[in-house]
Amino acid sequence: MQARKFTAFVAATLAAAALPTIVLMALVGTIASDEITRDEWWIVAGVLFAIALAHVVLLGVPAVVVLRRIGRYRVLPMAIAGALVGALPYAIFSFPFNDAAGVDVFSDGVQTMANGVTTTAGWLEWLQEAAVFGALGFVGALAFYGVHRAIADKTKGAIGALR
């Protein structure tokens, strides 16, 4: 029984890193498919997977442990925790501080900082970017939950595990 739980945990951890990597690679493919060679695709995929795996191990697994400990290891709490684990690090480290007096910043022709003060467009851009990382965390958490439950709960099938 312990071997099944360990296998479920490892497979779920890998799935939680792999699915967001696949999603990001699909996005990169729609944006820059003509500019990236086949060899570069593998490098990008490897780097993205390594970053996602580190993120899952350092932030996602502790969130799973907390949810299991408090008895909230279910789909909805996992999805919310995944979104938070995905969005918060980016949101914190990219927070647009207003300390660059005299600096104007433009993103795609839209002013995001005027005289060192973040504009509404800047705040919306920051929220949008954090939401993308939150969505990746959401996807990764659902992948973790589905794979873990499908393997660990041998009495349920993959569909039954999601209930």
N, C-alpha and C. Protein backbone atom coordinates (compact mmCIF):
# COMPACT_ATOMS: atom_id res chain seq x y z
N MET A 1 0.82 -1.20 0.00
CA MET A 1 0.00 0.00 0.00
C MET A 1 0.86 1.26 0.00
N GLN A 2 1.96 1.23 0.76
CA GLN A 2 2.84 2.40 0.80
C GLN A 2 3.47 2.65 -0.56
N ALA A 3 3.81 1.58 -1.28
CA ALA A 3 4.41 1.74 -2.61
C ALA A 3 3.42 2.42 -3.55
N ARG A 4 2.15 2.07 -3.45
CA ARG A 4 1.12 2.69 -4.29
C ARG A 4 1.01 4.17 -3.97
N LYS A 5 1.02 4.54 -2.71
CA LYS A 5 0.93 5.94 -2.31
C LYS A 5 2.14 6.73 -2.80
N PHE A 6 3.33 6.13 -2.67
CA PHE A 6 4.55 6.80 -3.13
C PHE A 6 4.51 6.99 -4.64
N THR A 7 4.12 5.95 -5.36
CA THR A 7 4.02 6.04 -6.82
C THR A 7 3.01 7.10 -7.23
N ALA A 8 1.88 7.14 -6.53
CA ALA A 8 0.86 8.14 -6.83
C ALA A 8 1.40 9.54 -6.60
N PHE A 9 2.13 9.71 -5.51
CA PHE A 9 2.68 11.03 -5.19
C PHE A 9 3.71 11.48 -6.23
N VAL A 10 4.61 10.58 -6.62
CA VAL A 10 5.63 10.93 -7.61
C VAL A 10 4.99 11.22 -8.96
N ALA A 11 4.07 10.36 -9.39
CA ALA A 11 3.40 10.57 -10.68
C ALA A 11 2.60 11.87 -10.68
N ALA A 12 1.93 12.16 -9.57
CA ALA A 12 1.15 13.39 -9.47
C ALA A 12 2.05 14.62 -9.51
N THR A 13 3.19 14.54 -8.85
CA THR A 13 4.15 15.66 -8.86
C THR A 13 4.65 15.92 -10.27
N LEU A 14 5.00 14.84 -10.99
CA LEU A 14 5.47 15.00 -12.37
C LEU A 14 4.35 15.54 -13.27
N ALA A 15 3.13 15.07 -13.07
CA ALA A 15 2.00 15.55 -13.87
C ALA A 15 1.72 17.03 -13.60
N ALA A 16 1.86 17.43 -12.33
CA ALA A 16 1.62 18.82 -11.97
C ALA A 16 2.64 19.75 -12.60
N ALA A 17 3.81 19.25 -12.92
CA ALA A 17 4.82 20.06 -13.61
C ALA A 17 4.67 19.94 -15.13
N ALA A 18 4.30 18.76 -15.59
CA ALA A 18 4.23 18.52 -17.04
C ALA A 18 3.08 19.26 -17.71
N LEU A 19 1.90 19.25 -17.10
CA LEU A 19 0.74 19.87 -17.77
C LEU A 19 0.91 21.37 -17.97
N PRO A 20 1.33 22.14 -16.96
CA PRO A 20 1.58 23.57 -17.22
C PRO A 20 2.68 23.80 -18.26
N THR A 21 3.67 22.91 -18.30
CA THR A 21 4.72 23.01 -19.31
C THR A 21 4.12 22.84 -20.70
N ILE A 22 3.25 21.86 -20.85
CA ILE A 22 2.60 21.62 -22.14
C ILE A 22 1.75 22.82 -22.54
N VAL A 23 1.02 23.36 -21.59
CA VAL A 23 0.18 24.53 -21.87
C VAL A 23 1.05 25.72 -22.31
N LEU A 24 2.14 25.95 -21.59
CA LEU A 24 3.03 27.06 -21.96
C LEU A 24 3.68 26.83 -23.32
N MET A 25 4.05 25.60 -23.60
CA MET A 25 4.65 25.30 -24.91
C MET A 25 3.63 25.54 -26.03
N ALA A 26 2.38 25.23 -25.78
CA ALA A 26 1.34 25.51 -26.77
C ALA A 26 1.20 27.01 -26.99
N LEU A 27 1.27 27.79 -25.89
CA LEU A 27 1.19 29.25 -26.03
C LEU A 27 2.39 29.79 -26.77
N VAL A 28 3.57 29.30 -26.45
CA VAL A 28 4.79 29.73 -27.14
C VAL A 28 4.68 29.37 -28.62
N GLY A 29 4.13 28.22 -28.90
CA GLY A 29 3.97 27.78 -30.29
C GLY A 29 3.07 28.69 -31.09
N THR A 30 2.05 29.23 -30.46
CA THR A 30 1.15 30.13 -31.18
C THR A 30 1.76 31.51 -31.37
N ILE A 31 2.69 31.86 -30.49
CA ILE A 31 3.29 33.20 -30.56
C ILE A 31 4.56 33.22 -31.40
N ALA A 32 5.43 32.23 -31.22
CA ALA A 32 6.76 32.29 -31.83
C ALA A 32 7.12 31.03 -32.59
N SER A 33 6.17 30.39 -33.23
CA SER A 33 6.45 29.11 -33.88
C SER A 33 7.45 29.23 -35.03
N ASP A 34 7.49 30.35 -35.71
CA ASP A 34 8.39 30.52 -36.84
C ASP A 34 9.82 30.87 -36.42
N GLU A 35 9.97 31.35 -35.19
CA GLU A 35 11.27 31.84 -34.76
C GLU A 35 12.08 30.83 -33.94
N ILE A 36 11.50 29.68 -33.63
CA ILE A 36 12.18 28.71 -32.77
C ILE A 36 12.42 27.43 -33.54
N THR A 37 13.66 26.95 -33.51
CA THR A 37 14.00 25.70 -34.19
C THR A 37 13.57 24.52 -33.33
N ARG A 38 13.61 23.33 -33.93
CA ARG A 38 13.21 22.12 -33.20
C ARG A 38 14.10 21.88 -31.98
N ASP A 39 15.40 22.09 -32.13
CA ASP A 39 16.31 21.90 -30.99
C ASP A 39 16.02 22.92 -29.88
N GLU A 40 15.70 24.13 -30.28
CA GLU A 40 15.38 25.15 -29.28
C GLU A 40 14.08 24.83 -28.56
N TRP A 41 13.14 24.18 -29.25
CA TRP A 41 11.88 23.77 -28.61
C TRP A 41 12.16 22.85 -27.44
N TRP A 42 13.06 21.88 -27.65
CA TRP A 42 13.38 20.93 -26.58
C TRP A 42 14.07 21.62 -25.41
N ILE A 43 14.91 22.58 -25.72
CA ILE A 43 15.59 23.32 -24.65
C ILE A 43 14.56 24.13 -23.85
N VAL A 44 13.69 24.84 -24.55
CA VAL A 44 12.65 25.63 -23.88
C VAL A 44 11.76 24.73 -23.03
N ALA A 45 11.35 23.60 -23.60
CA ALA A 45 10.50 22.67 -22.85
C ALA A 45 11.21 22.14 -21.61
N GLY A 46 12.49 21.81 -21.74
CA GLY A 46 13.25 21.31 -20.59
C GLY A 46 13.39 22.35 -19.49
N VAL A 47 13.67 23.57 -19.89
CA VAL A 47 13.81 24.65 -18.89
C VAL A 47 12.47 24.92 -18.21
N LEU A 48 11.41 24.99 -19.00
CA LEU A 48 10.08 25.22 -18.42
C LEU A 48 9.69 24.09 -17.46
N PHE A 49 9.97 22.85 -17.86
CA PHE A 49 9.64 21.72 -16.99
C PHE A 49 10.45 21.77 -15.70
N ALA A 50 11.72 22.10 -15.79
CA ALA A 50 12.56 22.19 -14.59
C ALA A 50 12.04 23.27 -13.64
N ILE A 51 11.68 24.41 -14.19
CA ILE A 51 11.14 25.49 -13.36
C ILE A 51 9.81 25.07 -12.74
N ALA A 52 8.94 24.45 -13.54
CA ALA A 52 7.64 24.01 -13.03
C ALA A 52 7.81 22.94 -11.95
N LEU A 53 8.74 22.01 -12.16
CA LEU A 53 8.96 20.95 -11.18
C LEU A 53 9.48 21.53 -9.87
N ALA A 54 10.41 22.46 -9.95
CA ALA A 54 10.91 23.11 -8.73
C ALA A 54 9.78 23.85 -8.02
N HIS A 55 8.94 24.50 -8.78
CA HIS A 55 7.81 25.23 -8.22
C HIS A 55 6.84 24.28 -7.50
N VAL A 56 6.57 23.15 -8.14
CA VAL A 56 5.66 22.17 -7.53
C VAL A 56 6.27 21.62 -6.25
N VAL A 57 7.54 21.26 -6.29
CA VAL A 57 8.18 20.66 -5.12
C VAL A 57 8.30 21.66 -3.97
N LEU A 58 8.70 22.90 -4.28
CA LEU A 58 8.93 23.89 -3.22
C LEU A 58 7.66 24.54 -2.68
N LEU A 59 6.64 24.71 -3.54
CA LEU A 59 5.43 25.41 -3.11
C LEU A 59 4.16 24.55 -3.17
N GLY A 60 4.04 23.75 -4.22
CA GLY A 60 2.83 22.96 -4.38
C GLY A 60 2.71 21.81 -3.40
N VAL A 61 3.79 21.07 -3.22
CA VAL A 61 3.74 19.94 -2.29
C VAL A 61 3.44 20.39 -0.86
N PRO A 62 4.08 21.45 -0.35
CA PRO A 62 3.67 21.92 0.98
C PRO A 62 2.19 22.30 1.06
N ALA A 63 1.66 22.86 -0.01
CA ALA A 63 0.23 23.20 -0.01
C ALA A 63 -0.63 21.94 0.07
N VAL A 64 -0.22 20.89 -0.64
CA VAL A 64 -0.94 19.61 -0.58
C VAL A 64 -0.88 19.04 0.83
N VAL A 65 0.30 19.10 1.44
CA VAL A 65 0.45 18.59 2.81
C VAL A 65 -0.48 19.33 3.77
N VAL A 66 -0.54 20.64 3.63
CA VAL A 66 -1.42 21.43 4.50
C VAL A 66 -2.88 21.05 4.26
N LEU A 67 -3.29 20.96 3.00
CA LEU A 67 -4.68 20.60 2.70
C LEU A 67 -5.03 19.20 3.23
N ARG A 68 -4.11 18.27 3.10
CA ARG A 68 -4.38 16.92 3.63
C ARG A 68 -4.46 16.94 5.15
N ARG A 69 -3.59 17.71 5.78
CA ARG A 69 -3.56 17.77 7.24
C ARG A 69 -4.84 18.37 7.81
N ILE A 70 -5.41 19.37 7.13
CA ILE A 70 -6.64 20.00 7.65
C ILE A 70 -7.91 19.35 7.09
N GLY A 71 -7.73 18.26 6.33
CA GLY A 71 -8.89 17.53 5.83
C GLY A 71 -9.59 18.19 4.66
N ARG A 72 -8.89 18.98 3.88
CA ARG A 72 -9.49 19.70 2.74
C ARG A 72 -8.89 19.29 1.41
N TYR A 73 -8.43 18.06 1.30
CA TYR A 73 -7.83 17.57 0.06
C TYR A 73 -8.95 17.14 -0.88
N ARG A 74 -9.52 18.14 -1.58
CA ARG A 74 -10.59 17.94 -2.55
C ARG A 74 -10.30 18.80 -3.77
N VAL A 75 -11.12 18.65 -4.79
CA VAL A 75 -10.88 19.35 -6.06
C VAL A 75 -10.85 20.87 -5.89
N LEU A 76 -11.89 21.44 -5.31
CA LEU A 76 -11.98 22.90 -5.23
C LEU A 76 -10.86 23.52 -4.38
N PRO A 77 -10.60 23.03 -3.17
CA PRO A 77 -9.48 23.60 -2.41
C PRO A 77 -8.14 23.43 -3.12
N MET A 78 -7.96 22.30 -3.81
CA MET A 78 -6.72 22.09 -4.56
C MET A 78 -6.60 23.11 -5.70
N ALA A 79 -7.70 23.34 -6.41
CA ALA A 79 -7.67 24.30 -7.52
C ALA A 79 -7.35 25.70 -7.02
N ILE A 80 -7.97 26.09 -5.91
CA ILE A 80 -7.71 27.42 -5.35
C ILE A 80 -6.26 27.52 -4.87
N ALA A 81 -5.80 26.49 -4.17
CA ALA A 81 -4.41 26.50 -3.69
C ALA A 81 -3.44 26.55 -4.86
N GLY A 82 -3.73 25.81 -5.91
CA GLY A 82 -2.86 25.82 -7.10
C GLY A 82 -2.80 27.19 -7.75
N ALA A 83 -3.95 27.84 -7.85
CA ALA A 83 -3.98 29.18 -8.44
C ALA A 83 -3.17 30.16 -7.59
N LEU A 84 -3.32 30.06 -6.28
CA LEU A 84 -2.55 30.95 -5.39
C LEU A 84 -1.05 30.65 -5.46
N VAL A 85 -0.70 29.37 -5.45
CA VAL A 85 0.71 28.99 -5.53
C VAL A 85 1.31 29.43 -6.86
N GLY A 86 0.51 29.43 -7.91
CA GLY A 86 1.00 29.87 -9.21
C GLY A 86 1.12 31.37 -9.32
N ALA A 87 0.15 32.09 -8.78
CA ALA A 87 0.10 33.55 -8.98
C ALA A 87 0.91 34.35 -7.97
N LEU A 88 0.89 33.95 -6.71
CA LEU A 88 1.49 34.79 -5.66
C LEU A 88 2.99 35.04 -5.83
N PRO A 89 3.81 34.04 -6.13
CA PRO A 89 5.24 34.37 -6.29
C PRO A 89 5.49 35.41 -7.38
N TYR A 90 4.81 35.25 -8.53
CA TYR A 90 4.98 36.24 -9.58
C TYR A 90 4.47 37.60 -9.14
N ALA A 91 3.28 37.62 -8.53
CA ALA A 91 2.68 38.88 -8.11
C ALA A 91 3.56 39.61 -7.10
N ILE A 92 4.18 38.87 -6.21
CA ILE A 92 5.04 39.49 -5.20
C ILE A 92 6.33 40.02 -5.82
N PHE A 93 6.99 39.19 -6.62
CA PHE A 93 8.30 39.58 -7.15
C PHE A 93 8.23 40.55 -8.32
N SER A 94 7.06 40.71 -8.93
CA SER A 94 6.93 41.67 -10.03
C SER A 94 6.06 42.86 -9.66
N PHE A 95 5.79 43.01 -8.36
CA PHE A 95 4.93 44.11 -7.91
C PHE A 95 5.48 45.44 -8.40
N PRO A 96 4.66 46.25 -9.09
CA PRO A 96 5.14 47.51 -9.67
C PRO A 96 5.27 48.62 -8.61
N PHE A 97 6.46 48.74 -8.08
CA PHE A 97 6.70 49.79 -7.09
C PHE A 97 6.80 51.14 -7.78
N ASN A 98 6.37 52.17 -7.10
CA ASN A 98 6.39 53.53 -7.63
C ASN A 98 7.59 54.28 -7.08
N ASP A 99 8.79 53.81 -7.38
CA ASP A 99 9.97 54.47 -6.83
C ASP A 99 10.96 54.93 -7.90
N ALA A 100 10.51 55.00 -9.13
CA ALA A 100 11.40 55.39 -10.22
C ALA A 100 10.97 56.76 -10.75
N ALA A 101 11.18 57.79 -9.98
CA ALA A 101 10.77 59.14 -10.36
C ALA A 101 11.37 59.52 -11.70
N GLY A 102 10.54 60.11 -12.53
CA GLY A 102 10.99 60.58 -13.83
C GLY A 102 11.04 59.50 -14.89
N VAL A 103 10.61 58.29 -14.58
CA VAL A 103 10.68 57.18 -15.54
C VAL A 103 9.31 56.95 -16.17
N ASP A 104 9.32 56.86 -17.48
CA ASP A 104 8.11 56.50 -18.23
C ASP A 104 8.35 55.14 -18.87
N VAL A 105 7.39 54.24 -18.74
CA VAL A 105 7.51 52.89 -19.30
C VAL A 105 6.33 52.62 -20.20
N PHE A 106 6.62 52.04 -21.36
CA PHE A 106 5.58 51.68 -22.31
C PHE A 106 5.66 50.19 -22.59
N SER A 107 4.50 49.56 -22.71
CA SER A 107 4.42 48.14 -23.05
C SER A 107 3.46 48.00 -24.21
N ASP A 108 3.97 47.55 -25.35
CA ASP A 108 3.16 47.45 -26.58
C ASP A 108 2.49 48.77 -26.93
N GLY A 109 3.19 49.86 -26.73
CA GLY A 109 2.68 51.17 -27.08
C GLY A 109 1.76 51.80 -26.06
N VAL A 110 1.52 51.10 -24.94
CA VAL A 110 0.64 51.60 -23.89
C VAL A 110 1.49 52.00 -22.70
N GLN A 111 1.26 53.19 -22.18
CA GLN A 111 2.05 53.67 -21.05
C GLN A 111 1.61 52.95 -19.77
N THR A 112 2.58 52.25 -19.16
CA THR A 112 2.30 51.51 -17.93
C THR A 112 2.88 52.20 -16.70
N MET A 113 3.77 53.16 -16.92
CA MET A 113 4.31 53.94 -15.82
C MET A 113 4.55 55.36 -16.33
N ALA A 114 4.04 56.34 -15.60
CA ALA A 114 4.19 57.74 -15.97
C ALA A 114 4.88 58.48 -14.83
N ASN A 115 6.07 59.00 -15.12
CA ASN A 115 6.85 59.74 -14.13
C ASN A 115 7.04 58.93 -12.84
N GLY A 116 7.31 57.62 -13.02
CA GLY A 116 7.57 56.75 -11.87
C GLY A 116 6.35 56.23 -11.16
N VAL A 117 5.16 56.54 -11.65
CA VAL A 117 3.92 56.09 -11.01
C VAL A 117 3.22 55.10 -11.96
N THR A 118 2.86 53.96 -11.44
CA THR A 118 2.18 52.95 -12.24
C THR A 118 0.80 53.43 -12.65
N THR A 119 0.51 53.31 -13.93
CA THR A 119 -0.79 53.73 -14.45
C THR A 119 -1.80 52.60 -14.29
N THR A 120 -3.05 52.92 -14.57
CA THR A 120 -4.09 51.88 -14.53
C THR A 120 -3.75 50.75 -15.49
N ALA A 121 -3.25 51.10 -16.66
CA ALA A 121 -2.86 50.08 -17.63
C ALA A 121 -1.73 49.21 -17.07
N GLY A 122 -0.84 49.81 -16.32
CA GLY A 122 0.25 49.06 -15.70
C GLY A 122 -0.25 48.08 -14.67
N TRP A 123 -1.20 48.53 -13.84
CA TRP A 123 -1.79 47.63 -12.85
C TRP A 123 -2.55 46.51 -13.51
N LEU A 124 -3.30 46.80 -14.57
CA LEU A 124 -4.05 45.77 -15.27
C LEU A 124 -3.12 44.76 -15.94
N GLU A 125 -2.02 45.24 -16.49
CA GLU A 125 -1.03 44.34 -17.09
C GLU A 125 -0.44 43.41 -16.02
N TRP A 126 -0.12 43.97 -14.86
CA TRP A 126 0.42 43.17 -13.75
C TRP A 126 -0.59 42.11 -13.30
N LEU A 127 -1.85 42.49 -13.16
CA LEU A 127 -2.89 41.53 -12.77
C LEU A 127 -3.09 40.45 -13.83
N GLN A 128 -3.05 40.85 -15.08
CA GLN A 128 -3.21 39.89 -16.16
C GLN A 128 -2.08 38.87 -16.16
N GLU A 129 -0.86 39.33 -15.99
CA GLU A 129 0.28 38.42 -15.97
C GLU A 129 0.21 37.48 -14.76
N ALA A 130 -0.17 38.01 -13.60
CA ALA A 130 -0.32 37.17 -12.41
C ALA A 130 -1.43 36.15 -12.62
N ALA A 131 -2.49 36.54 -13.31
CA ALA A 131 -3.61 35.62 -13.59
C ALA A 131 -3.17 34.47 -14.49
N VAL A 132 -2.28 34.74 -15.43
CA VAL A 132 -1.76 33.67 -16.29
C VAL A 132 -1.02 32.63 -15.45
N PHE A 133 -0.17 33.10 -14.54
CA PHE A 133 0.55 32.17 -13.67
C PHE A 133 -0.41 31.46 -12.72
N GLY A 134 -1.46 32.16 -12.29
CA GLY A 134 -2.49 31.52 -11.47
C GLY A 134 -3.21 30.42 -12.23
N ALA A 135 -3.49 30.66 -13.49
CA ALA A 135 -4.15 29.65 -14.32
C ALA A 135 -3.25 28.43 -14.50
N LEU A 136 -1.95 28.65 -14.65
CA LEU A 136 -1.02 27.53 -14.77
C LEU A 136 -0.97 26.73 -13.46
N GLY A 137 -1.00 27.42 -12.34
CA GLY A 137 -1.04 26.74 -11.05
C GLY A 137 -2.33 25.96 -10.87
N PHE A 138 -3.43 26.53 -11.33
CA PHE A 138 -4.74 25.87 -11.29
C PHE A 138 -4.69 24.56 -12.07
N VAL A 139 -4.15 24.62 -13.28
CA VAL A 139 -4.05 23.44 -14.15
C VAL A 139 -3.14 22.39 -13.50
N GLY A 140 -2.01 22.84 -12.96
CA GLY A 140 -1.08 21.92 -12.32
C GLY A 140 -1.69 21.24 -11.10
N ALA A 141 -2.43 22.00 -10.31
CA ALA A 141 -3.07 21.43 -9.12
C ALA A 141 -4.12 20.39 -9.49
N LEU A 142 -4.89 20.67 -10.53
CA LEU A 142 -5.89 19.69 -10.97
C LEU A 142 -5.22 18.44 -11.52
N ALA A 143 -4.10 18.62 -12.22
CA ALA A 143 -3.36 17.45 -12.71
C ALA A 143 -2.84 16.62 -11.54
N PHE A 144 -2.29 17.29 -10.54
CA PHE A 144 -1.80 16.58 -9.35
C PHE A 144 -2.93 15.81 -8.70
N TYR A 145 -4.03 16.48 -8.46
CA TYR A 145 -5.15 15.86 -7.76
C TYR A 145 -5.71 14.66 -8.54
N GLY A 146 -5.93 14.85 -9.82
CA GLY A 146 -6.50 13.76 -10.63
C GLY A 146 -5.60 12.55 -10.72
N VAL A 147 -4.32 12.77 -10.97
CA VAL A 147 -3.38 11.65 -11.07
C VAL A 147 -3.21 10.97 -9.72
N HIS A 148 -3.06 11.77 -8.67
CA HIS A 148 -2.86 11.19 -7.34
C HIS A 148 -4.07 10.35 -6.93
N ARG A 149 -5.25 10.88 -7.09
CA ARG A 149 -6.45 10.14 -6.69
C ARG A 149 -6.66 8.91 -7.57
N ALA A 150 -6.37 9.01 -8.86
CA ALA A 150 -6.58 7.87 -9.76
C ALA A 150 -5.64 6.71 -9.42
N ILE A 151 -4.44 7.01 -8.99
CA ILE A 151 -3.48 5.95 -8.66
C ILE A 151 -3.63 5.50 -7.21
N ALA A 152 -3.76 6.43 -6.30
CA ALA A 152 -3.79 6.09 -4.87
C ALA A 152 -5.08 5.38 -4.47
N ASP A 153 -6.18 5.75 -5.07
CA ASP A 153 -7.47 5.14 -4.74
C ASP A 153 -7.78 4.06 -5.76
N LYS A 154 -7.29 2.86 -5.52
CA LYS A 154 -7.43 1.80 -6.51
C LYS A 154 -8.87 1.35 -6.71
N THR A 155 -9.74 1.68 -5.78
CA THR A 155 -11.14 1.26 -5.93
C THR A 155 -11.90 2.16 -6.89
N LYS A 156 -11.37 3.34 -7.16
CA LYS A 156 -12.04 4.27 -8.06
C LYS A 156 -11.27 4.33 -9.38
N GLY A 157 -11.96 4.56 -10.44
CA GLY A 157 -11.30 4.78 -11.71
C GLY A 157 -10.84 6.22 -11.80
N ALA A 158 -10.28 6.59 -12.93
CA ALA A 158 -9.79 7.96 -13.10
C ALA A 158 -10.94 8.98 -13.01
N ILE A 159 -12.11 8.65 -13.52
CA ILE A 159 -13.22 9.57 -13.47
C ILE A 159 -13.77 9.64 -12.05
N GLY A 160 -13.91 8.51 -11.39
CA GLY A 160 -14.41 8.48 -10.02
C GLY A 160 -13.50 9.19 -9.05
N ALA A 161 -12.21 9.25 -9.37
CA ALA A 161 -11.24 9.90 -8.49
C ALA A 161 -11.45 11.40 -8.43
N LEU A 162 -12.08 11.98 -9.42
CA LEU A 162 -12.25 13.41 -9.46
C LEU A 162 -13.46 13.88 -8.65
N ARG A 163 -14.20 12.99 -8.09
CA ARG A 163 -15.37 13.37 -7.29
C ARG A 163 -14.97 13.76 -5.90
